[in-house]
Amino acid sequence: NIPLTERNGMPAPTFYVSSDDKELVDRLIEIRKKENISQS
């Protein structure tokens, strides 16, 4: 139900979740800025 993508160039087989993480991070940034909270 959660697709994995293999990360190349690693010493052992390594997989990561790649589906909608970019969209989720965009939403997180939007929330942080709306709440007027700095990265620090």
PDB file of all heavy atoms in Angstrom:
ATOM      1  N   ASN A   1       0.826  -1.201   0.000  1.00  0.00           N
ATOM      2  CA  ASN A   1       0.000   0.000   0.000  1.00  0.00           C
ATOM      3  C   ASN A   1       0.868   1.262   0.000  1.00  0.00           C
ATOM      4  O   ASN A   1       0.377   2.344  -0.290  1.00  0.00           O
ATOM      5  CB  ASN A   1      -0.931   0.015   1.212  1.00  0.00           C
ATOM      6  CG  ASN A   1      -1.958  -1.092   1.142  1.00  0.00           C
ATOM      7  OD1 ASN A   1      -2.383  -1.483   0.065  1.00  0.00           O
ATOM      8  ND2 ASN A   1      -2.344  -1.605   2.288  1.00  0.00           N
ATOM      9  N   ILE A   2       2.126   1.102   0.370  1.00  0.00           N
ATOM     10  CA  ILE A   2       3.095   2.194   0.329  1.00  0.00           C
ATOM     11  C   ILE A   2       4.215   1.742  -0.602  1.00  0.00           C
ATOM     12  O   ILE A   2       4.937   0.795  -0.290  1.00  0.00           O
ATOM     13  CB  ILE A   2       3.671   2.517   1.726  1.00  0.00           C
ATOM     14  CG1 ILE A   2       2.561   2.968   2.677  1.00  0.00           C
ATOM     15  CG2 ILE A   2       4.757   3.589   1.625  1.00  0.00           C
ATOM     16  CD1 ILE A   2       3.019   3.213   4.101  1.00  0.00           C
ATOM     17  N   PRO A   3       4.341   2.377  -1.762  1.00  0.00           N
ATOM     18  CA  PRO A   3       5.381   1.951  -2.704  1.00  0.00           C
ATOM     19  C   PRO A   3       6.773   2.343  -2.233  1.00  0.00           C
ATOM     20  O   PRO A   3       6.966   3.393  -1.622  1.00  0.00           O
ATOM     21  CB  PRO A   3       5.015   2.686  -3.999  1.00  0.00           C
ATOM     22  CG  PRO A   3       4.231   3.877  -3.552  1.00  0.00           C
ATOM     23  CD  PRO A   3       3.538   3.477  -2.281  1.00  0.00           C
ATOM     24  N   LEU A   4       7.738   1.495  -2.525  1.00  0.00           N
ATOM     25  CA  LEU A   4       9.133   1.761  -2.186  1.00  0.00           C
ATOM     26  C   LEU A   4       9.935   1.928  -3.463  1.00  0.00           C
ATOM     27  O   LEU A   4       9.645   1.306  -4.479  1.00  0.00           O
ATOM     28  CB  LEU A   4       9.724   0.605  -1.375  1.00  0.00           C
ATOM     29  CG  LEU A   4       9.152   0.375   0.007  1.00  0.00           C
ATOM     30  CD1 LEU A   4       9.815  -0.837   0.650  1.00  0.00           C
ATOM     31  CD2 LEU A   4       9.324   1.589   0.884  1.00  0.00           C
ATOM     32  N   THR A   5      10.958   2.751  -3.384  1.00  0.00           N
ATOM     33  CA  THR A   5      11.877   2.957  -4.489  1.00  0.00           C
ATOM     34  C   THR A   5      13.268   2.596  -3.994  1.00  0.00           C
ATOM     35  O   THR A   5      13.644   2.963  -2.880  1.00  0.00           O
ATOM     36  CB  THR A   5      11.852   4.428  -4.948  1.00  0.00           C
ATOM     37  OG1 THR A   5      10.507   4.759  -5.314  1.00  0.00           O
ATOM     38  CG2 THR A   5      12.777   4.669  -6.120  1.00  0.00           C
ATOM     39  N   GLU A   6      14.027   1.884  -4.816  1.00  0.00           N
ATOM     40  CA  GLU A   6      15.375   1.519  -4.407  1.00  0.00           C
ATOM     41  C   GLU A   6      16.313   2.700  -4.601  1.00  0.00           C
ATOM     42  O   GLU A   6      16.265   3.398  -5.606  1.00  0.00           O
ATOM     43  CB  GLU A   6      15.888   0.319  -5.205  1.00  0.00           C
ATOM     44  CG  GLU A   6      17.233  -0.167  -4.696  1.00  0.00           C
ATOM     45  CD  GLU A   6      17.626  -1.522  -5.256  1.00  0.00           C
ATOM     46  OE1 GLU A   6      16.942  -2.038  -6.150  1.00  0.00           O
ATOM     47  OE2 GLU A   6      18.636  -2.058  -4.776  1.00  0.00           O
ATOM     48  N   ARG A   7      17.154   2.936  -3.616  1.00  0.00           N
ATOM     49  CA  ARG A   7      18.146   4.006  -3.690  1.00  0.00           C
ATOM     50  C   ARG A   7      19.439   3.381  -4.197  1.00  0.00           C
ATOM     51  O   ARG A   7      20.001   2.488  -3.565  1.00  0.00           O
ATOM     52  CB  ARG A   7      18.345   4.640  -2.319  1.00  0.00           C
ATOM     53  CG  ARG A   7      19.390   5.752  -2.336  1.00  0.00           C
ATOM     54  CD  ARG A   7      19.286   6.671  -1.174  1.00  0.00           C
ATOM     55  NE  ARG A   7      18.101   7.497  -1.347  1.00  0.00           N
ATOM     56  CZ  ARG A   7      17.423   8.030  -0.347  1.00  0.00           C
ATOM     57  NH1 ARG A   7      17.793   7.850   0.880  1.00  0.00           N
ATOM     58  NH2 ARG A   7      16.350   8.764  -0.569  1.00  0.00           N
ATOM     59  N   ASN A   8      19.891   3.838  -5.351  1.00  0.00           N
ATOM     60  CA  ASN A   8      21.110   3.303  -5.966  1.00  0.00           C
ATOM     61  C   ASN A   8      22.362   3.857  -5.295  1.00  0.00           C
ATOM     62  O   ASN A   8      22.330   4.894  -4.655  1.00  0.00           O
ATOM     63  CB  ASN A   8      21.132   3.647  -7.457  1.00  0.00           C
ATOM     64  CG  ASN A   8      19.996   2.996  -8.211  1.00  0.00           C
ATOM     65  OD1 ASN A   8      19.645   1.860  -7.938  1.00  0.00           O
ATOM     66  ND2 ASN A   8      19.410   3.720  -9.140  1.00  0.00           N
ATOM     67  N   GLY A   9      23.460   3.135  -5.456  1.00  0.00           N
ATOM     68  CA  GLY A   9      24.750   3.592  -4.938  1.00  0.00           C
ATOM     69  C   GLY A   9      24.967   3.335  -3.462  1.00  0.00           C
ATOM     70  O   GLY A   9      25.902   3.867  -2.876  1.00  0.00           O
ATOM     71  N   MET A  10      24.123   2.528  -2.858  1.00  0.00           N
ATOM     72  CA  MET A  10      24.269   2.229  -1.437  1.00  0.00           C
ATOM     73  C   MET A  10      24.997   0.891  -1.283  1.00  0.00           C
ATOM     74  O   MET A  10      24.898   0.026  -2.150  1.00  0.00           O
ATOM     75  CB  MET A  10      22.904   2.160  -0.758  1.00  0.00           C
ATOM     76  CG  MET A  10      22.087   3.444  -0.878  1.00  0.00           C
ATOM     77  SD  MET A  10      22.871   4.887  -0.155  1.00  0.00           S
ATOM     78  CE  MET A  10      22.663   4.565   1.567  1.00  0.00           C
ATOM     79  N   PRO A  11      25.749   0.679  -0.195  1.00  0.00           N
ATOM     80  CA  PRO A  11      26.498  -0.564  -0.027  1.00  0.00           C
ATOM     81  C   PRO A  11      25.599  -1.795   0.141  1.00  0.00           C
ATOM     82  O   PRO A  11      26.021  -2.906  -0.138  1.00  0.00           O
ATOM     83  CB  PRO A  11      27.331  -0.319   1.228  1.00  0.00           C
ATOM     84  CG  PRO A  11      26.714   0.838   1.912  1.00  0.00           C
ATOM     85  CD  PRO A  11      25.984   1.629   0.877  1.00  0.00           C
ATOM     86  N   ALA A  12      24.382  -1.596   0.559  1.00  0.00           N
ATOM     87  CA  ALA A  12      23.424  -2.697   0.718  1.00  0.00           C
ATOM     88  C   ALA A  12      22.109  -2.249   0.091  1.00  0.00           C
ATOM     89  O   ALA A  12      21.879  -1.047  -0.077  1.00  0.00           O
ATOM     90  CB  ALA A  12      23.226  -3.009   2.198  1.00  0.00           C
ATOM     91  N   PRO A  13      21.240  -3.187  -0.266  1.00  0.00           N
ATOM     92  CA  PRO A  13      19.947  -2.780  -0.823  1.00  0.00           C
ATOM     93  C   PRO A  13      19.227  -1.827   0.131  1.00  0.00           C
ATOM     94  O   PRO A  13      19.042  -2.127   1.310  1.00  0.00           O
ATOM     95  CB  PRO A  13      19.189  -4.099  -0.966  1.00  0.00           C
ATOM     96  CG  PRO A  13      20.248  -5.145  -1.046  1.00  0.00           C
ATOM     97  CD  PRO A  13      21.373  -4.636  -0.189  1.00  0.00           C
ATOM     98  N   THR A  14      18.866  -0.657  -0.356  1.00  0.00           N
ATOM     99  CA  THR A  14      18.237   0.377   0.454  1.00  0.00           C
ATOM    100  C   THR A  14      17.005   0.885  -0.283  1.00  0.00           C
ATOM    101  O   THR A  14      17.079   1.199  -1.461  1.00  0.00           O
ATOM    102  CB  THR A  14      19.214   1.545   0.706  1.00  0.00           C
ATOM    103  OG1 THR A  14      20.397   1.025   1.312  1.00  0.00           O
ATOM    104  CG2 THR A  14      18.607   2.606   1.593  1.00  0.00           C
ATOM    105  N   PHE A  15      15.888   0.957   0.418  1.00  0.00           N
ATOM    106  CA  PHE A  15      14.640   1.397  -0.181  1.00  0.00           C
ATOM    107  C   PHE A  15      14.077   2.562   0.615  1.00  0.00           C
ATOM    108  O   PHE A  15      14.341   2.702   1.804  1.00  0.00           O
ATOM    109  CB  PHE A  15      13.619   0.247  -0.201  1.00  0.00           C
ATOM    110  CG  PHE A  15      14.062  -0.910  -1.042  1.00  0.00           C
ATOM    111  CD1 PHE A  15      14.854  -1.908  -0.511  1.00  0.00           C
ATOM    112  CD2 PHE A  15      13.706  -0.983  -2.380  1.00  0.00           C
ATOM    113  CE1 PHE A  15      15.272  -2.979  -1.280  1.00  0.00           C
ATOM    114  CE2 PHE A  15      14.118  -2.048  -3.168  1.00  0.00           C
ATOM    115  CZ  PHE A  15      14.910  -3.048  -2.616  1.00  0.00           C
ATOM    116  N   TYR A  16      13.301   3.397  -0.056  1.00  0.00           N
ATOM    117  CA  TYR A  16      12.658   4.509   0.629  1.00  0.00           C
ATOM    118  C   TYR A  16      11.263   4.730   0.057  1.00  0.00           C
ATOM    119  O   TYR A  16      10.969   4.315  -1.060  1.00  0.00           O
ATOM    120  CB  TYR A  16      13.507   5.784   0.545  1.00  0.00           C
ATOM    121  CG  TYR A  16      13.677   6.324  -0.864  1.00  0.00           C
ATOM    122  CD1 TYR A  16      12.881   7.365  -1.333  1.00  0.00           C
ATOM    123  CD2 TYR A  16      14.632   5.798  -1.731  1.00  0.00           C
ATOM    124  CE1 TYR A  16      13.035   7.844  -2.615  1.00  0.00           C
ATOM    125  CE2 TYR A  16      14.788   6.289  -3.010  1.00  0.00           C
ATOM    126  CZ  TYR A  16      13.987   7.314  -3.446  1.00  0.00           C
ATOM    127  OH  TYR A  16      14.134   7.799  -4.722  1.00  0.00           O
ATOM    128  N   VAL A  17      10.417   5.379   0.843  1.00  0.00           N
ATOM    129  CA  VAL A  17       9.066   5.715   0.403  1.00  0.00           C
ATOM    130  C   VAL A  17       9.174   6.982  -0.440  1.00  0.00           C
ATOM    131  O   VAL A  17       9.728   7.981  -0.005  1.00  0.00           O
ATOM    132  CB  VAL A  17       8.141   5.957   1.622  1.00  0.00           C
ATOM    133  CG1 VAL A  17       6.766   6.393   1.171  1.00  0.00           C
ATOM    134  CG2 VAL A  17       8.072   4.712   2.486  1.00  0.00           C
ATOM    135  N   SER A  18       8.654   6.919  -1.659  1.00  0.00           N
ATOM    136  CA  SER A  18       8.854   8.055  -2.557  1.00  0.00           C
ATOM    137  C   SER A  18       7.576   8.673  -3.077  1.00  0.00           C
ATOM    138  O   SER A  18       7.628   9.619  -3.838  1.00  0.00           O
ATOM    139  CB  SER A  18       9.684   7.597  -3.754  1.00  0.00           C
ATOM    140  OG  SER A  18       8.972   6.627  -4.495  1.00  0.00           O
ATOM    141  N   SER A  19       6.433   8.177  -2.688  1.00  0.00           N
ATOM    142  CA  SER A  19       5.185   8.565  -3.337  1.00  0.00           C
ATOM    143  C   SER A  19       4.869  10.056  -3.228  1.00  0.00           C
ATOM    144  O   SER A  19       5.127  10.807  -4.151  1.00  0.00           O
ATOM    145  CB  SER A  19       4.036   7.720  -2.811  1.00  0.00           C
ATOM    146  OG  SER A  19       3.915   7.888  -1.423  1.00  0.00           O
ATOM    147  N   ASP A  20       4.300  10.480  -2.133  1.00  0.00           N
ATOM    148  CA  ASP A  20       3.812  11.851  -2.028  1.00  0.00           C
ATOM    149  C   ASP A  20       4.611  12.691  -1.043  1.00  0.00           C
ATOM    150  O   ASP A  20       4.127  13.709  -0.567  1.00  0.00           O
ATOM    151  CB  ASP A  20       2.340  11.843  -1.606  1.00  0.00           C
ATOM    152  CG  ASP A  20       1.446  11.211  -2.658  1.00  0.00           C
ATOM    153  OD1 ASP A  20       1.718  11.396  -3.849  1.00  0.00           O
ATOM    154  OD2 ASP A  20       0.475  10.544  -2.271  1.00  0.00           O
ATOM    155  N   ASP A  21       5.841  12.295  -0.747  1.00  0.00           N
ATOM    156  CA  ASP A  21       6.583  13.014   0.285  1.00  0.00           C
ATOM    157  C   ASP A  21       6.846  14.467  -0.089  1.00  0.00           C
ATOM    158  O   ASP A  21       6.813  15.340   0.760  1.00  0.00           O
ATOM    159  CB  ASP A  21       7.868  12.286   0.668  1.00  0.00           C
ATOM    160  CG  ASP A  21       8.822  12.053  -0.488  1.00  0.00           C
ATOM    161  OD1 ASP A  21       8.382  12.088  -1.648  1.00  0.00           O
ATOM    162  OD2 ASP A  21      10.011  11.818  -0.223  1.00  0.00           O
ATOM    163  N   LYS A  22       7.062  14.763  -1.363  1.00  0.00           N
ATOM    164  CA  LYS A  22       7.326  16.151  -1.774  1.00  0.00           C
ATOM    165  C   LYS A  22       6.097  17.026  -1.526  1.00  0.00           C
ATOM    166  O   LYS A  22       6.216  18.139  -1.041  1.00  0.00           O
ATOM    167  CB  LYS A  22       7.716  16.201  -3.254  1.00  0.00           C
ATOM    168  CG  LYS A  22       8.864  15.281  -3.611  1.00  0.00           C
ATOM    169  CD  LYS A  22      10.186  15.967  -3.575  1.00  0.00           C
ATOM    170  CE  LYS A  22      11.285  15.112  -4.143  1.00  0.00           C
ATOM    171  NZ  LYS A  22      12.147  14.501  -3.198  1.00  0.00           N
ATOM    172  N   GLU A  23       4.920  16.511  -1.846  1.00  0.00           N
ATOM    173  CA  GLU A  23       3.688  17.256  -1.618  1.00  0.00           C
ATOM    174  C   GLU A  23       3.457  17.471  -0.122  1.00  0.00           C
ATOM    175  O   GLU A  23       3.036  18.545   0.302  1.00  0.00           O
ATOM    176  CB  GLU A  23       2.507  16.497  -2.225  1.00  0.00           C
ATOM    177  CG  GLU A  23       1.189  17.236  -2.124  1.00  0.00           C
ATOM    178  CD  GLU A  23       0.052  16.454  -2.753  1.00  0.00           C
ATOM    179  OE1 GLU A  23       0.262  15.784  -3.779  1.00  0.00           O
ATOM    180  OE2 GLU A  23      -1.051  16.512  -2.186  1.00  0.00           O
ATOM    181  N   LEU A  24       3.755  16.462   0.682  1.00  0.00           N
ATOM    182  CA  LEU A  24       3.593  16.592   2.134  1.00  0.00           C
ATOM    183  C   LEU A  24       4.546  17.635   2.697  1.00  0.00           C
ATOM    184  O   LEU A  24       4.177  18.426   3.563  1.00  0.00           O
ATOM    185  CB  LEU A  24       3.817  15.246   2.815  1.00  0.00           C
ATOM    186  CG  LEU A  24       2.749  14.191   2.567  1.00  0.00           C
ATOM    187  CD1 LEU A  24       3.198  12.853   3.136  1.00  0.00           C
ATOM    188  CD2 LEU A  24       1.416  14.611   3.152  1.00  0.00           C
ATOM    189  N   VAL A  25       5.777  17.649   2.200  1.00  0.00           N
ATOM    190  CA  VAL A  25       6.754  18.647   2.666  1.00  0.00           C
ATOM    191  C   VAL A  25       6.308  20.041   2.252  1.00  0.00           C
ATOM    192  O   VAL A  25       6.412  20.993   3.036  1.00  0.00           O
ATOM    193  CB  VAL A  25       8.175  18.317   2.152  1.00  0.00           C
ATOM    194  CG1 VAL A  25       9.129  19.462   2.436  1.00  0.00           C
ATOM    195  CG2 VAL A  25       8.680  17.036   2.788  1.00  0.00           C
ATOM    196  N   ASP A  26       5.771  20.191   1.033  1.00  0.00           N
ATOM    197  CA  ASP A  26       5.253  21.495   0.600  1.00  0.00           C
ATOM    198  C   ASP A  26       4.167  21.981   1.554  1.00  0.00           C
ATOM    199  O   ASP A  26       4.129  23.153   1.926  1.00  0.00           O
ATOM    200  CB  ASP A  26       4.691  21.421  -0.823  1.00  0.00           C
ATOM    201  CG  ASP A  26       5.761  21.325  -1.885  1.00  0.00           C
ATOM    202  OD1 ASP A  26       6.928  21.664  -1.600  1.00  0.00           O
ATOM    203  OD2 ASP A  26       5.426  20.911  -3.017  1.00  0.00           O
ATOM    204  N   ARG A  27       3.295  21.078   1.948  1.00  0.00           N
ATOM    205  CA  ARG A  27       2.205  21.439   2.873  1.00  0.00           C
ATOM    206  C   ARG A  27       2.763  21.816   4.244  1.00  0.00           C
ATOM    207  O   ARG A  27       2.307  22.776   4.868  1.00  0.00           O
ATOM    208  CB  ARG A  27       1.233  20.265   2.991  1.00  0.00           C
ATOM    209  CG  ARG A  27       0.056  20.531   3.862  1.00  0.00           C
ATOM    210  CD  ARG A  27      -0.941  21.485   3.211  1.00  0.00           C
ATOM    211  NE  ARG A  27      -2.090  21.620   4.102  1.00  0.00           N
ATOM    212  CZ  ARG A  27      -2.444  22.759   4.688  1.00  0.00           C
ATOM    213  NH1 ARG A  27      -1.811  23.872   4.422  1.00  0.00           N
ATOM    214  NH2 ARG A  27      -3.464  22.793   5.503  1.00  0.00           N
ATOM    215  N   LEU A  28       3.789  21.101   4.692  1.00  0.00           N
ATOM    216  CA  LEU A  28       4.423  21.399   5.971  1.00  0.00           C
ATOM    217  C   LEU A  28       5.042  22.802   5.944  1.00  0.00           C
ATOM    218  O   LEU A  28       4.891  23.578   6.885  1.00  0.00           O
ATOM    219  CB  LEU A  28       5.491  20.353   6.272  1.00  0.00           C
ATOM    220  CG  LEU A  28       6.123  20.459   7.637  1.00  0.00           C
ATOM    221  CD1 LEU A  28       6.048  19.121   8.338  1.00  0.00           C
ATOM    222  CD2 LEU A  28       7.548  20.903   7.490  1.00  0.00           C
ATOM    223  N   ILE A  29       5.722  23.137   4.842  1.00  0.00           N
ATOM    224  CA  ILE A  29       6.332  24.478   4.694  1.00  0.00           C
ATOM    225  C   ILE A  29       5.245  25.548   4.737  1.00  0.00           C
ATOM    226  O   ILE A  29       5.394  26.576   5.401  1.00  0.00           O
ATOM    227  CB  ILE A  29       7.143  24.565   3.384  1.00  0.00           C
ATOM    228  CG1 ILE A  29       8.333  23.619   3.425  1.00  0.00           C
ATOM    229  CG2 ILE A  29       7.597  26.000   3.125  1.00  0.00           C
ATOM    230  CD1 ILE A  29       8.994  23.401   2.070  1.00  0.00           C
ATOM    231  N   GLU A  30       4.160  25.293   4.021  1.00  0.00           N
ATOM    232  CA  GLU A  30       3.036  26.232   3.988  1.00  0.00           C
ATOM    233  C   GLU A  30       2.497  26.480   5.394  1.00  0.00           C
ATOM    234  O   GLU A  30       2.242  27.630   5.782  1.00  0.00           O
ATOM    235  CB  GLU A  30       1.953  25.643   3.084  1.00  0.00           C
ATOM    236  CG  GLU A  30       0.711  26.482   2.928  1.00  0.00           C
ATOM    237  CD  GLU A  30      -0.317  25.752   2.065  1.00  0.00           C
ATOM    238  OE1 GLU A  30       0.035  25.258   0.984  1.00  0.00           O
ATOM    239  OE2 GLU A  30      -1.483  25.682   2.508  1.00  0.00           O
ATOM    240  N   ILE A  31       2.345  25.429   6.159  1.00  0.00           N
ATOM    241  CA  ILE A  31       1.842  25.553   7.537  1.00  0.00           C
ATOM    242  C   ILE A  31       2.826  26.343   8.390  1.00  0.00           C
ATOM    243  O   ILE A  31       2.436  27.246   9.136  1.00  0.00           O
ATOM    244  CB  ILE A  31       1.577  24.164   8.147  1.00  0.00           C
ATOM    245  CG1 ILE A  31       0.393  23.494   7.453  1.00  0.00           C
ATOM    246  CG2 ILE A  31       1.341  24.264   9.656  1.00  0.00           C
ATOM    247  CD1 ILE A  31       0.243  22.014   7.779  1.00  0.00           C
ATOM    248  N   ARG A  32       4.121  26.012   8.294  1.00  0.00           N
ATOM    249  CA  ARG A  32       5.131  26.709   9.105  1.00  0.00           C
ATOM    250  C   ARG A  32       5.113  28.206   8.826  1.00  0.00           C
ATOM    251  O   ARG A  32       5.120  29.029   9.744  1.00  0.00           O
ATOM    252  CB  ARG A  32       6.534  26.144   8.825  1.00  0.00           C
ATOM    253  CG  ARG A  32       7.634  26.860   9.623  1.00  0.00           C
ATOM    254  CD  ARG A  32       9.016  26.388   9.282  1.00  0.00           C
ATOM    255  NE  ARG A  32       9.443  26.657   7.927  1.00  0.00           N
ATOM    256  CZ  ARG A  32       9.838  27.846   7.466  1.00  0.00           C
ATOM    257  NH1 ARG A  32       9.828  28.906   8.261  1.00  0.00           N
ATOM    258  NH2 ARG A  32      10.236  27.991   6.218  1.00  0.00           N
ATOM    259  N   LYS A  33       5.039  28.548   7.540  1.00  0.00           N
ATOM    260  CA  LYS A  33       5.046  29.972   7.166  1.00  0.00           C
ATOM    261  C   LYS A  33       3.752  30.660   7.599  1.00  0.00           C
ATOM    262  O   LYS A  33       3.784  31.803   8.057  1.00  0.00           O
ATOM    263  CB  LYS A  33       5.270  30.114   5.667  1.00  0.00           C
ATOM    264  CG  LYS A  33       6.701  29.764   5.272  1.00  0.00           C
ATOM    265  CD  LYS A  33       6.932  29.907   3.788  1.00  0.00           C
ATOM    266  CE  LYS A  33       8.388  29.615   3.447  1.00  0.00           C
ATOM    267  NZ  LYS A  33       8.647  29.746   2.009  1.00  0.00           N
ATOM    268  N   LYS A  34       2.622  29.969   7.460  1.00  0.00           N
ATOM    269  CA  LYS A  34       1.334  30.540   7.872  1.00  0.00           C
ATOM    270  C   LYS A  34       1.323  30.823   9.373  1.00  0.00           C
ATOM    271  O   LYS A  34       0.782  31.829   9.823  1.00  0.00           O
ATOM    272  CB  LYS A  34       0.195  29.586   7.503  1.00  0.00           C
ATOM    273  CG  LYS A  34      -1.190  30.132   7.835  1.00  0.00           C
ATOM    274  CD  LYS A  34      -2.265  29.142   7.491  1.00  0.00           C
ATOM    275  CE  LYS A  34      -2.481  28.313   8.735  1.00  0.00           C
ATOM    276  NZ  LYS A  34      -3.560  27.370   8.686  1.00  0.00           N
ATOM    277  N   GLU A  35       1.962  29.935  10.135  1.00  0.00           N
ATOM    278  CA  GLU A  35       2.038  30.100  11.592  1.00  0.00           C
ATOM    279  C   GLU A  35       3.135  31.092  12.000  1.00  0.00           C
ATOM    280  O   GLU A  35       3.349  31.342  13.178  1.00  0.00           O
ATOM    281  CB  GLU A  35       2.276  28.749  12.267  1.00  0.00           C
ATOM    282  CG  GLU A  35       1.165  27.731  12.043  1.00  0.00           C
ATOM    283  CD  GLU A  35      -0.133  28.100  12.729  1.00  0.00           C
ATOM    284  OE1 GLU A  35      -0.096  28.747  13.793  1.00  0.00           O
ATOM    285  OE2 GLU A  35      -1.192  27.731  12.192  1.00  0.00           O
ATOM    286  N   ASN A  36       3.863  31.607  10.987  1.00  0.00           N
ATOM    287  CA  ASN A  36       4.931  32.591  11.220  1.00  0.00           C
ATOM    288  C   ASN A  36       6.015  32.053  12.160  1.00  0.00           C
ATOM    289  O   ASN A  36       6.444  32.720  13.097  1.00  0.00           O
ATOM    290  CB  ASN A  36       4.350  33.911  11.744  1.00  0.00           C
ATOM    291  CG  ASN A  36       5.299  35.069  11.522  1.00  0.00           C
ATOM    292  OD1 ASN A  36       6.089  35.068  10.577  1.00  0.00           O
ATOM    293  ND2 ASN A  36       5.230  36.062  12.387  1.00  0.00           N
ATOM    294  N   ILE A  37       6.432  30.812  11.879  1.00  0.00           N
ATOM    295  CA  ILE A  37       7.478  30.159  12.668  1.00  0.00           C
ATOM    296  C   ILE A  37       8.702  29.994  11.782  1.00  0.00           C
ATOM    297  O   ILE A  37       8.610  29.482  10.661  1.00  0.00           O
ATOM    298  CB  ILE A  37       6.994  28.789  13.186  1.00  0.00           C
ATOM    299  CG1 ILE A  37       5.801  28.977  14.128  1.00  0.00           C
ATOM    300  CG2 ILE A  37       8.111  28.026  13.880  1.00  0.00           C
ATOM    301  CD1 ILE A  37       5.127  27.686  14.548  1.00  0.00           C
ATOM    302  N   SER A  38       9.853  30.434  12.269  1.00  0.00           N
ATOM    303  CA  SER A  38      11.092  30.305  11.490  1.00  0.00           C
ATOM    304  C   SER A  38      11.593  28.863  11.544  1.00  0.00           C
ATOM    305  O   SER A  38      11.178  28.072  12.401  1.00  0.00           O
ATOM    306  CB  SER A  38      12.166  31.243  12.043  1.00  0.00           C
ATOM    307  OG  SER A  38      12.611  30.780  13.302  1.00  0.00           O
ATOM    308  N   GLN A  39      12.505  28.548  10.638  1.00  0.00           N
ATOM    309  CA  GLN A  39      13.130  27.226  10.666  1.00  0.00           C
ATOM    310  C   GLN A  39      13.847  27.005  11.992  1.00  0.00           C
ATOM    311  O   GLN A  39      13.783  25.907  12.558  1.00  0.00           O
ATOM    312  CB  GLN A  39      14.113  27.068   9.500  1.00  0.00           C
ATOM    313  CG  GLN A  39      13.463  26.911   8.154  1.00  0.00           C
ATOM    314  CD  GLN A  39      14.481  26.716   7.043  1.00  0.00           C
ATOM    315  OE1 GLN A  39      15.692  26.894   7.224  1.00  0.00           O
ATOM    316  NE2 GLN A  39      13.987  26.346   5.869  1.00  0.00           N
ATOM    317  N   SER A  40      14.511  28.022  12.490  1.00  0.00           N
ATOM    318  CA  SER A  40      15.232  27.904  13.770  1.00  0.00           C
ATOM    319  C   SER A  40      14.277  27.629  14.923  1.00  0.00           C
ATOM    320  O   SER A  40      14.559  26.791  15.780  1.00  0.00           O
ATOM    321  CB  SER A  40      16.025  29.177  14.062  1.00  0.00           C
ATOM    322  OG  SER A  40      17.038  29.347  13.105  1.00  0.00           O
TER     323      SER A  40
END
